[in-house]
């Protein structure tokens, strides 16, 4: 047990990848994608991705919370949600930015 715990401490992404793979998280993402089938920024229905507003790495307990999800197309997921670089963590005020754009309202 101690070896596994020390492995997870040395490799935190291992635990986060497993958290994202949980069936409840996958189900929540798939159901959200079915309910909101257009980009919240531009309204397109192509290349949609579900973005966690607060990343799983920051708060894994919000991974399957629908209020923490927003559907964005591939382009706006990179440009708006991650400021053009997926290595950046997240844009903390993404909901305000989307609401100011007013293509569709997110709940």
PDB file of N, CA and C in Angstrom:
ATOM      1  N   UNK A   1       0.824  -1.205   0.000  1.00  0.00           N
ATOM      2  CA  UNK A   1       0.000   0.000   0.000  1.00  0.00           C
ATOM      3  C   UNK A   1       0.862   1.260   0.000  1.00  0.00           C
ATOM      4  N   UNK A   2       1.933   1.241   0.806  1.00  0.00           N
ATOM      5  CA  UNK A   2       2.801   2.406   0.886  1.00  0.00           C
ATOM      6  C   UNK A   2       3.467   2.682  -0.459  1.00  0.00           C
ATOM      7  N   UNK A   3       3.828   1.620  -1.175  1.00  0.00           N
ATOM      8  CA  UNK A   3       4.467   1.800  -2.479  1.00  0.00           C
ATOM      9  C   UNK A   3       3.516   2.476  -3.466  1.00  0.00           C
ATOM     10  N   UNK A   4       2.243   2.057  -3.453  1.00  0.00           N
ATOM     11  CA  UNK A   4       1.270   2.669  -4.356  1.00  0.00           C
ATOM     12  C   UNK A   4       1.046   4.136  -3.987  1.00  0.00           C
ATOM     13  N   UNK A   5       0.921   4.436  -2.700  1.00  0.00           N
ATOM     14  CA  UNK A   5       0.719   5.821  -2.262  1.00  0.00           C
ATOM     15  C   UNK A   5       1.898   6.693  -2.663  1.00  0.00           C
ATOM     16  N   UNK A   6       3.099   6.187  -2.491  1.00  0.00           N
ATOM     17  CA  UNK A   6       4.269   6.987  -2.878  1.00  0.00           C
ATOM     18  C   UNK A   6       4.331   7.144  -4.398  1.00  0.00           C
ATOM     19  N   UNK A   7       3.873   6.120  -5.156  1.00  0.00           N
ATOM     20  CA  UNK A   7       3.818   6.230  -6.612  1.00  0.00           C
ATOM     21  C   UNK A   7       2.860   7.339  -7.028  1.00  0.00           C
ATOM     22  N   UNK A   8       1.681   7.393  -6.405  1.00  0.00           N
ATOM     23  CA  UNK A   8       0.687   8.417  -6.748  1.00  0.00           C
ATOM     24  C   UNK A   8       1.192   9.801  -6.378  1.00  0.00           C
ATOM     25  N   UNK A   9       1.909   9.916  -5.259  1.00  0.00           N
ATOM     26  CA  UNK A   9       2.475  11.216  -4.870  1.00  0.00           C
ATOM     27  C   UNK A   9       3.501  11.667  -5.894  1.00  0.00           C
ATOM     28  N   UNK A  10       4.312  10.749  -6.378  1.00  0.00           N
ATOM     29  CA  UNK A  10       5.328  11.101  -7.386  1.00  0.00           C
ATOM     30  C   UNK A  10       4.712  11.340  -8.765  1.00  0.00           C
ATOM     31  N   UNK A  11       3.550  10.723  -9.035  1.00  0.00           N
ATOM     32  CA  UNK A  11       2.895  10.822 -10.339  1.00  0.00           C
ATOM     33  C   UNK A  11       1.439  11.241 -10.165  1.00  0.00           C
ATOM     34  N   UNK A  12       1.171  12.497  -9.844  1.00  0.00           N
ATOM     35  CA  UNK A  12      -0.215  12.902  -9.573  1.00  0.00           C
ATOM     36  C   UNK A  12      -1.134  12.755 -10.775  1.00  0.00           C
ATOM     37  N   UNK A  13      -0.602  12.807 -12.001  1.00  0.00           N
ATOM     38  CA  UNK A  13      -1.456  12.653 -13.176  1.00  0.00           C
ATOM     39  C   UNK A  13      -2.061  11.260 -13.266  1.00  0.00           C
ATOM     40  N   UNK A  14      -1.425  10.261 -12.667  1.00  0.00           N
ATOM     41  CA  UNK A  14      -1.972   8.908 -12.676  1.00  0.00           C
ATOM     42  C   UNK A  14      -3.331   8.887 -11.989  1.00  0.00           C
ATOM     43  N   UNK A  15      -3.407   9.508 -10.835  1.00  0.00           N
ATOM     44  CA  UNK A  15      -4.676   9.540 -10.092  1.00  0.00           C
ATOM     45  C   UNK A  15      -5.716  10.367 -10.841  1.00  0.00           C
ATOM     46  N   UNK A  16      -5.321  11.486 -11.452  1.00  0.00           N
ATOM     47  CA  UNK A  16      -6.275  12.340 -12.149  1.00  0.00           C
ATOM     48  C   UNK A  16      -6.818  11.666 -13.401  1.00  0.00           C
ATOM     49  N   UNK A  17      -5.973  10.940 -14.127  1.00  0.00           N
ATOM     50  CA  UNK A  17      -6.455  10.230 -15.309  1.00  0.00           C
ATOM     51  C   UNK A  17      -7.497   9.198 -14.907  1.00  0.00           C
ATOM     52  N   UNK A  18      -7.256   8.508 -13.804  1.00  0.00           N
ATOM     53  CA  UNK A  18      -8.220   7.518 -13.342  1.00  0.00           C
ATOM     54  C   UNK A  18      -9.509   8.191 -12.891  1.00  0.00           C
ATOM     55  N   UNK A  19      -9.406   9.371 -12.314  1.00  0.00           N
ATOM     56  CA  UNK A  19     -10.598  10.081 -11.866  1.00  0.00           C
ATOM     57  C   UNK A  19     -11.458  10.472 -13.063  1.00  0.00           C
ATOM     58  N   UNK A  20     -10.822  10.956 -14.130  1.00  0.00           N
ATOM     59  CA  UNK A  20     -11.560  11.336 -15.335  1.00  0.00           C
ATOM     60  C   UNK A  20     -12.199  10.135 -16.012  1.00  0.00           C
ATOM     61  N   UNK A  21     -11.649   8.946 -15.800  1.00  0.00           N
ATOM     62  CA  UNK A  21     -12.160   7.746 -16.448  1.00  0.00           C
ATOM     63  C   UNK A  21     -13.304   7.094 -15.672  1.00  0.00           C
ATOM     64  N   UNK A  22     -13.650   7.615 -14.529  1.00  0.00           N
ATOM     65  CA  UNK A  22     -14.753   7.039 -13.758  1.00  0.00           C
ATOM     66  C   UNK A  22     -16.037   7.065 -14.581  1.00  0.00           C
ATOM     67  N   UNK A  23     -16.845   6.042 -14.412  1.00  0.00           N
ATOM     68  CA  UNK A  23     -18.074   5.956 -15.201  1.00  0.00           C
ATOM     69  C   UNK A  23     -19.025   7.113 -14.909  1.00  0.00           C
ATOM     70  N   UNK A  24     -19.060   7.591 -13.668  1.00  0.00           N
ATOM     71  CA  UNK A  24     -19.959   8.708 -13.348  1.00  0.00           C
ATOM     72  C   UNK A  24     -19.520   9.987 -14.062  1.00  0.00           C
ATOM     73  N   UNK A  25     -18.218  10.198 -14.183  1.00  0.00           N
ATOM     74  CA  UNK A  25     -17.702  11.383 -14.875  1.00  0.00           C
ATOM     75  C   UNK A  25     -17.964  11.265 -16.376  1.00  0.00           C
ATOM     76  N   UNK A  26     -17.669  10.108 -16.958  1.00  0.00           N
ATOM     77  CA  UNK A  26     -17.918   9.909 -18.389  1.00  0.00           C
ATOM     78  C   UNK A  26     -19.404  10.057 -18.703  1.00  0.00           C
ATOM     79  N   UNK A  27     -20.263   9.506 -17.837  1.00  0.00           N
ATOM     80  CA  UNK A  27     -21.712   9.600 -18.034  1.00  0.00           C
ATOM     81  C   UNK A  27     -22.167  11.057 -17.974  1.00  0.00           C
ATOM     82  N   UNK A  28     -21.649  11.805 -16.996  1.00  0.00           N
ATOM     83  CA  UNK A  28     -22.028  13.214 -16.868  1.00  0.00           C
ATOM     84  C   UNK A  28     -21.604  14.006 -18.094  1.00  0.00           C
ATOM     85  N   UNK A  29     -20.404  13.752 -18.596  1.00  0.00           N
ATOM     86  CA  UNK A  29     -19.911  14.463 -19.779  1.00  0.00           C
ATOM     87  C   UNK A  29     -20.746  14.105 -21.006  1.00  0.00           C
ATOM     88  N   UNK A  30     -21.023  12.825 -21.196  1.00  0.00           N
ATOM     89  CA  UNK A  30     -21.817  12.403 -22.357  1.00  0.00           C
ATOM     90  C   UNK A  30     -23.245  12.945 -22.292  1.00  0.00           C
ATOM     91  N   UNK A  31     -23.861  12.928 -21.117  1.00  0.00           N
ATOM     92  CA  UNK A  31     -25.211  13.476 -20.973  1.00  0.00           C
ATOM     93  C   UNK A  31     -25.216  14.980 -21.203  1.00  0.00           C
ATOM     94  N   UNK A  32     -24.189  15.671 -20.737  1.00  0.00           N
ATOM     95  CA  UNK A  32     -24.098  17.120 -20.952  1.00  0.00           C
ATOM     96  C   UNK A  32     -23.966  17.419 -22.443  1.00  0.00           C
ATOM     97  N   UNK A  33     -23.155  16.630 -23.123  1.00  0.00           N
ATOM     98  CA  UNK A  33     -22.963  16.831 -24.563  1.00  0.00           C
ATOM     99  C   UNK A  33     -24.269  16.605 -25.322  1.00  0.00           C
ATOM    100  N   UNK A  34     -25.083  15.657 -24.861  1.00  0.00           N
ATOM    101  CA  UNK A  34     -26.378  15.418 -25.508  1.00  0.00           C
ATOM    102  C   UNK A  34     -27.354  16.565 -25.247  1.00  0.00           C
ATOM    103  N   UNK A  35     -27.348  17.113 -24.041  1.00  0.00           N
ATOM    104  CA  UNK A  35     -28.269  18.196 -23.684  1.00  0.00           C
ATOM    105  C   UNK A  35     -27.876  19.526 -24.319  1.00  0.00           C
ATOM    106  N   UNK A  36     -26.590  19.815 -24.367  1.00  0.00           N
ATOM    107  CA  UNK A  36     -26.094  21.079 -24.919  1.00  0.00           C
ATOM    108  C   UNK A  36     -25.240  20.735 -26.138  1.00  0.00           C
ATOM    109  N   UNK A  37     -25.869  20.579 -27.273  1.00  0.00           N
ATOM    110  CA  UNK A  37     -25.176  20.090 -28.454  1.00  0.00           C
ATOM    111  C   UNK A  37     -24.716  21.205 -29.389  1.00  0.00           C
ATOM    112  N   UNK A  38     -24.304  22.330 -28.815  1.00  0.00           N
ATOM    113  CA  UNK A  38     -23.696  23.389 -29.619  1.00  0.00           C
ATOM    114  C   UNK A  38     -22.694  24.146 -28.766  1.00  0.00           C
ATOM    115  N   UNK A  39     -21.760  24.781 -29.442  1.00  0.00           N
ATOM    116  CA  UNK A  39     -20.717  25.535 -28.748  1.00  0.00           C
ATOM    117  C   UNK A  39     -21.350  26.726 -28.029  1.00  0.00           C
ATOM    118  N   UNK A  40     -21.031  26.884 -26.768  1.00  0.00           N
ATOM    119  CA  UNK A  40     -21.586  27.989 -25.985  1.00  0.00           C
ATOM    120  C   UNK A  40     -21.023  29.330 -26.443  1.00  0.00           C
ATOM    121  N   UNK A  41     -19.918  29.327 -27.165  1.00  0.00           N
ATOM    122  CA  UNK A  41     -19.302  30.572 -27.607  1.00  0.00           C
ATOM    123  C   UNK A  41     -19.811  31.006 -28.977  1.00  0.00           C
ATOM    124  N   UNK A  42     -19.804  30.085 -29.940  1.00  0.00           N
ATOM    125  CA  UNK A  42     -20.155  30.487 -31.313  1.00  0.00           C
ATOM    126  C   UNK A  42     -21.419  29.828 -31.842  1.00  0.00           C
ATOM    127  N   UNK A  43     -21.912  28.791 -31.180  1.00  0.00           N
ATOM    128  CA  UNK A  43     -23.143  28.148 -31.597  1.00  0.00           C
ATOM    129  C   UNK A  43     -22.987  27.031 -32.616  1.00  0.00           C
ATOM    130  N   UNK A  44     -21.772  26.728 -33.040  1.00  0.00           N
ATOM    131  CA  UNK A  44     -21.577  25.652 -34.013  1.00  0.00           C
ATOM    132  C   UNK A  44     -21.849  24.292 -33.362  1.00  0.00           C
ATOM    133  N   UNK A  45     -22.141  23.311 -34.201  1.00  0.00           N
ATOM    134  CA  UNK A  45     -22.427  21.967 -33.698  1.00  0.00           C
ATOM    135  C   UNK A  45     -21.358  20.971 -34.118  1.00  0.00           C
ATOM    136  N   UNK A  46     -20.222  21.455 -34.605  1.00  0.00           N
ATOM    137  CA  UNK A  46     -19.147  20.585 -35.072  1.00  0.00           C
ATOM    138  C   UNK A  46     -17.981  20.588 -34.094  1.00  0.00           C
ATOM    139  N   UNK A  47     -17.325  19.453 -33.983  1.00  0.00           N
ATOM    140  CA  UNK A  47     -16.116  19.287 -33.160  1.00  0.00           C
ATOM    141  C   UNK A  47     -16.319  19.760 -31.720  1.00  0.00           C
ATOM    142  N   UNK A  48     -17.376  19.303 -31.085  1.00  0.00           N
ATOM    143  CA  UNK A  48     -17.683  19.750 -29.727  1.00  0.00           C
ATOM    144  C   UNK A  48     -16.865  19.001 -28.687  1.00  0.00           C
ATOM    145  N   UNK A  49     -16.443  19.742 -27.673  1.00  0.00           N
ATOM    146  CA  UNK A  49     -15.724  19.190 -26.539  1.00  0.00           C
ATOM    147  C   UNK A  49     -16.336  19.758 -25.273  1.00  0.00           C
ATOM    148  N   UNK A  50     -16.378  18.943 -24.237  1.00  0.00           N
ATOM    149  CA  UNK A  50     -16.903  19.407 -22.957  1.00  0.00           C
ATOM    150  C   UNK A  50     -15.719  19.850 -22.104  1.00  0.00           C
ATOM    151  N   UNK A  51     -15.796  21.069 -21.625  1.00  0.00           N
ATOM    152  CA  UNK A  51     -14.725  21.686 -20.843  1.00  0.00           C
ATOM    153  C   UNK A  51     -15.138  21.759 -19.380  1.00  0.00           C
ATOM    154  N   UNK A  52     -14.227  21.394 -18.485  1.00  0.00           N
ATOM    155  CA  UNK A  52     -14.455  21.582 -17.051  1.00  0.00           C
ATOM    156  C   UNK A  52     -14.074  23.015 -16.700  1.00  0.00           C
ATOM    157  N   UNK A  53     -15.003  23.761 -16.140  1.00  0.00           N
ATOM    158  CA  UNK A  53     -14.738  25.150 -15.780  1.00  0.00           C
ATOM    159  C   UNK A  53     -13.657  25.204 -14.694  1.00  0.00           C
ATOM    160  N   UNK A  54     -13.850  24.447 -13.642  1.00  0.00           N
ATOM    161  CA  UNK A  54     -12.801  24.256 -12.641  1.00  0.00           C
ATOM    162  C   UNK A  54     -12.194  22.894 -12.935  1.00  0.00           C
ATOM    163  N   UNK A  55     -10.913  22.834 -13.296  1.00  0.00           N
ATOM    164  CA  UNK A  55     -10.313  21.580 -13.762  1.00  0.00           C
ATOM    165  C   UNK A  55     -10.369  20.474 -12.716  1.00  0.00           C
ATOM    166  N   UNK A  56     -10.319  19.262 -13.202  1.00  0.00           N
ATOM    167  CA  UNK A  56     -10.306  18.094 -12.335  1.00  0.00           C
ATOM    168  C   UNK A  56      -9.061  18.117 -11.459  1.00  0.00           C
ATOM    169  N   UNK A  57      -7.965  18.661 -11.956  1.00  0.00           N
ATOM    170  CA  UNK A  57      -6.742  18.724 -11.162  1.00  0.00           C
ATOM    171  C   UNK A  57      -6.865  19.673  -9.979  1.00  0.00           C
ATOM    172  N   UNK A  58      -7.746  20.661 -10.071  1.00  0.00           N
ATOM    173  CA  UNK A  58      -7.942  21.604  -8.972  1.00  0.00           C
ATOM    174  C   UNK A  58      -8.951  21.056  -7.965  1.00  0.00           C
ATOM    175  N   UNK A  59     -10.081  20.563  -8.450  1.00  0.00           N
ATOM    176  CA  UNK A  59     -11.111  20.012  -7.571  1.00  0.00           C
ATOM    177  C   UNK A  59     -11.735  18.782  -8.233  1.00  0.00           C
ATOM    178  N   UNK A  60     -11.198  17.588  -7.962  1.00  0.00           N
ATOM    179  CA  UNK A  60     -11.713  16.393  -8.617  1.00  0.00           C
ATOM    180  C   UNK A  60     -13.149  16.063  -8.252  1.00  0.00           C
ATOM    181  N   UNK A  61     -13.650  16.587  -7.140  1.00  0.00           N
ATOM    182  CA  UNK A  61     -15.019  16.288  -6.730  1.00  0.00           C
ATOM    183  C   UNK A  61     -16.054  17.018  -7.589  1.00  0.00           C
ATOM    184  N   UNK A  62     -15.627  17.987  -8.389  1.00  0.00           N
ATOM    185  CA  UNK A  62     -16.528  18.672  -9.312  1.00  0.00           C
ATOM    186  C   UNK A  62     -16.475  18.068 -10.719  1.00  0.00           C
ATOM    187  N   UNK A  63     -15.777  16.953 -10.887  1.00  0.00           N
ATOM    188  CA  UNK A  63     -15.587  16.365 -12.213  1.00  0.00           C
ATOM    189  C   UNK A  63     -16.904  15.953 -12.857  1.00  0.00           C
ATOM    190  N   UNK A  64     -17.868  15.485 -12.068  1.00  0.00           N
ATOM    191  CA  UNK A  64     -19.141  15.044 -12.643  1.00  0.00           C
ATOM    192  C   UNK A  64     -20.296  15.994 -12.330  1.00  0.00           C
ATOM    193  N   UNK A  65     -19.988  17.201 -11.893  1.00  0.00           N
ATOM    194  CA  UNK A  65     -21.004  18.207 -11.588  1.00  0.00           C
ATOM    195  C   UNK A  65     -21.359  18.972 -12.866  1.00  0.00           C
ATOM    196  N   UNK A  66     -22.632  18.940 -13.246  1.00  0.00           N
ATOM    197  CA  UNK A  66     -23.070  19.589 -14.491  1.00  0.00           C
ATOM    198  C   UNK A  66     -22.860  21.099 -14.475  1.00  0.00           C
ATOM    199  N   UNK A  67     -22.865  21.716 -13.310  1.00  0.00           N
ATOM    200  CA  UNK A  67     -22.648  23.166 -13.253  1.00  0.00           C
ATOM    201  C   UNK A  67     -21.189  23.522 -13.514  1.00  0.00           C
ATOM    202  N   UNK A  68     -20.317  22.523 -13.520  1.00  0.00           N
ATOM    203  CA  UNK A  68     -18.901  22.747 -13.766  1.00  0.00           C
ATOM    204  C   UNK A  68     -18.524  22.444 -15.217  1.00  0.00           C
ATOM    205  N   UNK A  69     -19.495  22.178 -16.062  1.00  0.00           N
ATOM    206  CA  UNK A  69     -19.223  21.811 -17.448  1.00  0.00           C
ATOM    207  C   UNK A  69     -19.741  22.871 -18.416  1.00  0.00           C
ATOM    208  N   UNK A  70     -19.062  23.004 -19.534  1.00  0.00           N
ATOM    209  CA  UNK A  70     -19.522  23.860 -20.615  1.00  0.00           C
ATOM    210  C   UNK A  70     -19.086  23.213 -21.928  1.00  0.00           C
ATOM    211  N   UNK A  71     -19.938  23.262 -22.927  1.00  0.00           N
ATOM    212  CA  UNK A  71     -19.673  22.643 -24.219  1.00  0.00           C
ATOM    213  C   UNK A  71     -19.104  23.714 -25.161  1.00  0.00           C
ATOM    214  N   UNK A  72     -17.918  23.440 -25.699  1.00  0.00           N
ATOM    215  CA  UNK A  72     -17.254  24.373 -26.608  1.00  0.00           C
ATOM    216  C   UNK A  72     -16.750  23.612 -27.830  1.00  0.00           C
ATOM    217  N   UNK A  73     -16.677  24.293 -28.957  1.00  0.00           N
ATOM    218  CA  UNK A  73     -16.072  23.665 -30.130  1.00  0.00           C
ATOM    219  C   UNK A  73     -14.563  23.592 -29.903  1.00  0.00           C
ATOM    220  N   UNK A  74     -13.893  22.806 -30.726  1.00  0.00           N
ATOM    221  CA  UNK A  74     -12.463  22.584 -30.540  1.00  0.00           C
ATOM    222  C   UNK A  74     -11.673  23.901 -30.562  1.00  0.00           C
ATOM    223  N   UNK A  75     -12.017  24.784 -31.477  1.00  0.00           N
ATOM    224  CA  UNK A  75     -11.298  26.061 -31.594  1.00  0.00           C
ATOM    225  C   UNK A  75     -11.464  26.914 -30.353  1.00  0.00           C
ATOM    226  N   UNK A  76     -12.699  27.074 -29.898  1.00  0.00           N
ATOM    227  CA  UNK A  76     -12.937  27.939 -28.745  1.00  0.00           C
ATOM    228  C   UNK A  76     -12.533  27.277 -27.429  1.00  0.00           C
ATOM    229  N   UNK A  77     -12.481  25.964 -27.404  1.00  0.00           N
ATOM    230  CA  UNK A  77     -11.967  25.291 -26.209  1.00  0.00           C
ATOM    231  C   UNK A  77     -10.521  25.695 -25.990  1.00  0.00           C
ATOM    232  N   UNK A  78      -9.753  25.738 -27.059  1.00  0.00           N
ATOM    233  CA  UNK A  78      -8.355  26.147 -26.949  1.00  0.00           C
ATOM    234  C   UNK A  78      -8.225  27.651 -26.735  1.00  0.00           C
ATOM    235  N   UNK A  79      -8.896  28.457 -27.565  1.00  0.00           N
ATOM    236  CA  UNK A  79      -8.714  29.910 -27.527  1.00  0.00           C
ATOM    237  C   UNK A  79      -9.326  30.560 -26.294  1.00  0.00           C
ATOM    238  N   UNK A  80     -10.552  30.207 -25.977  1.00  0.00           N
ATOM    239  CA  UNK A  80     -11.274  30.887 -24.904  1.00  0.00           C
ATOM    240  C   UNK A  80     -10.985  30.254 -23.546  1.00  0.00           C
ATOM    241  N   UNK A  81     -11.083  28.931 -23.474  1.00  0.00           N
ATOM    242  CA  UNK A  81     -10.980  28.266 -22.182  1.00  0.00           C
ATOM    243  C   UNK A  81      -9.545  28.123 -21.697  1.00  0.00           C
ATOM    244  N   UNK A  82      -8.586  28.020 -22.622  1.00  0.00           N
ATOM    245  CA  UNK A  82      -7.205  27.800 -22.216  1.00  0.00           C
ATOM    246  C   UNK A  82      -6.255  28.899 -22.699  1.00  0.00           C
ATOM    247  N   UNK A  83      -6.781  30.009 -23.139  1.00  0.00           N
ATOM    248  CA  UNK A  83      -5.967  31.144 -23.595  1.00  0.00           C
ATOM    249  C   UNK A  83      -4.948  30.761 -24.666  1.00  0.00           C
ATOM    250  N   UNK A  84      -5.340  29.858 -25.575  1.00  0.00           N
ATOM    251  CA  UNK A  84      -4.482  29.505 -26.690  1.00  0.00           C
ATOM    252  C   UNK A  84      -3.427  28.462 -26.415  1.00  0.00           C
ATOM    253  N   UNK A  85      -3.372  27.927 -25.200  1.00  0.00           N
ATOM    254  CA  UNK A  85      -2.350  26.948 -24.852  1.00  0.00           C
ATOM    255  C   UNK A  85      -2.934  25.973 -23.845  1.00  0.00           C
ATOM    256  N   UNK A  86      -3.007  24.691 -24.223  1.00  0.00           N
ATOM    257  CA  UNK A  86      -3.576  23.703 -23.317  1.00  0.00           C
ATOM    258  C   UNK A  86      -2.729  23.484 -22.071  1.00  0.00           C
ATOM    259  N   UNK A  87      -1.495  23.950 -22.068  1.00  0.00           N
ATOM    260  CA  UNK A  87      -0.661  23.814 -20.877  1.00  0.00           C
ATOM    261  C   UNK A  87      -1.090  24.776 -19.763  1.00  0.00           C
ATOM    262  N   UNK A  88      -1.780  25.861 -20.131  1.00  0.00           N
ATOM    263  CA  UNK A  88      -2.296  26.743 -19.092  1.00  0.00           C
ATOM    264  C   UNK A  88      -3.466  26.055 -18.429  1.00  0.00           C
ATOM    265  N   UNK A  89      -3.637  26.297 -17.192  1.00  0.00           N
ATOM    266  CA  UNK A  89      -4.645  25.548 -16.439  1.00  0.00           C
ATOM    267  C   UNK A  89      -6.049  25.833 -16.910  1.00  0.00           C
ATOM    268  N   UNK A  90      -6.487  27.046 -16.748  1.00  0.00           N
ATOM    269  CA  UNK A  90      -7.862  27.362 -17.116  1.00  0.00           C
ATOM    270  C   UNK A  90      -8.076  28.857 -17.015  1.00  0.00           C
ATOM    271  N   UNK A  91      -9.181  29.297 -17.603  1.00  0.00           N
ATOM    272  CA  UNK A  91      -9.610  30.673 -17.487  1.00  0.00           C
ATOM    273  C   UNK A  91     -10.656  30.711 -16.382  1.00  0.00           C
ATOM    274  N   UNK A  92     -10.365  31.330 -15.254  1.00  0.00           N
ATOM    275  CA  UNK A  92     -11.282  31.251 -14.109  1.00  0.00           C
ATOM    276  C   UNK A  92     -12.634  31.921 -14.340  1.00  0.00           C
ATOM    277  N   UNK A  93     -12.713  32.895 -15.226  1.00  0.00           N
ATOM    278  CA  UNK A  93     -13.987  33.597 -15.445  1.00  0.00           C
ATOM    279  C   UNK A  93     -14.613  33.208 -16.785  1.00  0.00           C
ATOM    280  N   UNK A  94     -14.504  31.956 -17.168  1.00  0.00           N
ATOM    281  CA  UNK A  94     -15.017  31.498 -18.460  1.00  0.00           C
ATOM    282  C   UNK A  94     -16.529  31.672 -18.565  1.00  0.00           C
ATOM    283  N   UNK A  95     -17.266  31.442 -17.472  1.00  0.00           N
ATOM    284  CA  UNK A  95     -18.726  31.605 -17.523  1.00  0.00           C
ATOM    285  C   UNK A  95     -19.098  33.055 -17.816  1.00  0.00           C
ATOM    286  N   UNK A  96     -18.407  34.006 -17.210  1.00  0.00           N
ATOM    287  CA  UNK A  96     -18.693  35.422 -17.459  1.00  0.00           C
ATOM    288  C   UNK A  96     -18.386  35.785 -18.906  1.00  0.00           C
ATOM    289  N   UNK A  97     -17.290  35.255 -19.439  1.00  0.00           N
ATOM    290  CA  UNK A  97     -16.943  35.537 -20.831  1.00  0.00           C
ATOM    291  C   UNK A  97     -17.990  34.985 -21.784  1.00  0.00           C
ATOM    292  N   UNK A  98     -18.456  33.775 -21.514  1.00  0.00           N
ATOM    293  CA  UNK A  98     -19.463  33.161 -22.383  1.00  0.00           C
ATOM    294  C   UNK A  98     -20.778  33.919 -22.280  1.00  0.00           C
ATOM    295  N   UNK A  99     -21.181  34.289 -21.075  1.00  0.00           N
ATOM    296  CA  UNK A  99     -22.434  35.023 -20.905  1.00  0.00           C
ATOM    297  C   UNK A  99     -22.371  36.389 -21.574  1.00  0.00           C
ATOM    298  N   UNK A 100     -21.191  37.015 -21.603  1.00  0.00           N
ATOM    299  CA  UNK A 100     -21.076  38.305 -22.281  1.00  0.00           C
ATOM    300  C   UNK A 100     -21.145  38.135 -23.797  1.00  0.00           C
ATOM    301  N   UNK A 101     -20.754  36.972 -24.294  1.00  0.00           N
ATOM    302  CA  UNK A 101     -20.844  36.687 -25.729  1.00  0.00           C
ATOM    303  C   UNK A 101     -22.295  36.424 -26.133  1.00  0.00           C
ATOM    304  N   UNK A 102     -23.090  35.831 -25.242  1.00  0.00           N
ATOM    305  CA  UNK A 102     -24.543  35.644 -25.366  1.00  0.00           C
ATOM    306  C   UNK A 102     -24.972  34.883 -26.621  1.00  0.00           C
ATOM    307  N   UNK A 103     -24.252  33.844 -26.989  1.00  0.00           N
ATOM    308  CA  UNK A 103     -24.736  32.986 -28.066  1.00  0.00           C
ATOM    309  C   UNK A 103     -25.838  32.102 -27.518  1.00  0.00           C
ATOM    310  N   UNK A 104     -25.520  31.349 -26.455  1.00  0.00           N
ATOM    311  CA  UNK A 104     -26.548  30.603 -25.736  1.00  0.00           C
ATOM    312  C   UNK A 104     -26.268  30.765 -24.249  1.00  0.00           C
ATOM    313  N   UNK A 105     -27.255  30.620 -23.453  1.00  0.00           N
ATOM    314  CA  UNK A 105     -27.074  30.745 -22.011  1.00  0.00           C
ATOM    315  C   UNK A 105     -26.719  29.384 -21.422  1.00  0.00           C
ATOM    316  N   UNK A 106     -25.716  29.354 -20.552  1.00  0.00           N
ATOM    317  CA  UNK A 106     -25.372  28.110 -19.873  1.00  0.00           C
ATOM    318  C   UNK A 106     -25.977  28.139 -18.495  1.00  0.00           C
ATOM    319  N   UNK A 107     -26.257  26.986 -18.003  1.00  0.00           N
ATOM    320  CA  UNK A 107     -26.916  26.869 -16.694  1.00  0.00           C
ATOM    321  C   UNK A 107     -25.990  26.331 -15.661  1.00  0.00           C
TER     322      UNK A 107
END
